[in-house]
Amino acid sequence: MTSKLFASFSPDPDHPMIYIYGNPEGLRTLAAKLIELADNQQSEH
């Protein structure tokens, strides 16, 4: 199965939003990367 992940942005300055969607594998990959980044930031402080 191929990872698929898409993001779109709302250009409305009063209600900025980011939409993230994809298949389960793509979303799990994103989640793992976010956890890795958070762990690295915690170890730096």
C-alpha atoms as a PDB file:
ATOM      1  CA  MET A   1       0.000   0.000   0.000  1.00  0.00           C
ATOM      2  CA  THR A   2       1.247   3.477  -0.832  1.00  0.00           C
ATOM      3  CA  SER A   3       1.222   6.218   1.792  1.00  0.00           C
ATOM      4  CA  LYS A   4      -0.943   9.134   0.787  1.00  0.00           C
ATOM      5  CA  LEU A   5      -1.130  12.407   2.646  1.00  0.00           C
ATOM      6  CA  PHE A   6      -2.600  15.703   1.537  1.00  0.00           C
ATOM      7  CA  ALA A   7      -2.769  19.119   3.166  1.00  0.00           C
ATOM      8  CA  SER A   8      -4.657  22.224   2.190  1.00  0.00           C
ATOM      9  CA  PHE A   9      -4.739  25.657   3.743  1.00  0.00           C
ATOM     10  CA  SER A  10      -7.514  28.170   4.216  1.00  0.00           C
ATOM     11  CA  PRO A  11      -6.381  31.618   3.074  1.00  0.00           C
ATOM     12  CA  ASP A  12      -8.917  33.398   5.314  1.00  0.00           C
ATOM     13  CA  PRO A  13      -6.837  35.500   7.768  1.00  0.00           C
ATOM     14  CA  ASP A  14      -9.759  35.649  10.224  1.00  0.00           C
ATOM     15  CA  HIS A  15     -10.150  31.859  10.330  1.00  0.00           C
ATOM     16  CA  PRO A  16      -6.864  30.233   9.285  1.00  0.00           C
ATOM     17  CA  MET A  17      -7.135  26.458   9.008  1.00  0.00           C
ATOM     18  CA  ILE A  18      -5.027  23.557   7.842  1.00  0.00           C
ATOM     19  CA  TYR A  19      -6.802  20.462   6.551  1.00  0.00           C
ATOM     20  CA  ILE A  20      -4.858  17.203   6.646  1.00  0.00           C
ATOM     21  CA  TYR A  21      -6.222  14.038   5.148  1.00  0.00           C
ATOM     22  CA  GLY A  22      -4.923  10.824   3.690  1.00  0.00           C
ATOM     23  CA  ASN A  23      -5.046   7.088   3.929  1.00  0.00           C
ATOM     24  CA  PRO A  24      -4.319   5.360   7.261  1.00  0.00           C
ATOM     25  CA  GLU A  25      -0.681   4.625   6.357  1.00  0.00           C
ATOM     26  CA  GLY A  26      -0.025   8.251   5.407  1.00  0.00           C
ATOM     27  CA  LEU A  27      -1.637   9.579   8.576  1.00  0.00           C
ATOM     28  CA  ARG A  28       0.344   7.119  10.733  1.00  0.00           C
ATOM     29  CA  THR A  29       3.568   8.233   9.031  1.00  0.00           C
ATOM     30  CA  LEU A  30       2.750  11.875   9.764  1.00  0.00           C
ATOM     31  CA  ALA A  31       1.880  11.049  13.383  1.00  0.00           C
ATOM     32  CA  ALA A  32       5.166   9.179  13.856  1.00  0.00           C
ATOM     33  CA  LYS A  33       7.150  12.108  12.448  1.00  0.00           C
ATOM     34  CA  LEU A  34       5.345  14.600  14.699  1.00  0.00           C
ATOM     35  CA  ILE A  35       6.089  12.425  17.747  1.00  0.00           C
ATOM     36  CA  GLU A  36       9.747  12.185  16.703  1.00  0.00           C
ATOM     37  CA  LEU A  37       9.981  15.978  16.371  1.00  0.00           C
ATOM     38  CA  ALA A  38       8.292  16.519  19.733  1.00  0.00           C
ATOM     39  CA  ASP A  39      10.645  14.050  21.424  1.00  0.00           C
ATOM     40  CA  ASN A  40      13.691  15.790  19.899  1.00  0.00           C
ATOM     41  CA  GLN A  41      12.477  19.196  21.095  1.00  0.00           C
ATOM     42  CA  GLN A  42      11.885  17.870  24.618  1.00  0.00           C
ATOM     43  CA  SER A  43      15.404  16.449  24.815  1.00  0.00           C
ATOM     44  CA  GLU A  44      16.908  19.786  23.744  1.00  0.00           C
ATOM     45  CA  HIS A  45      15.353  21.654  26.690  1.00  0.00           C
END
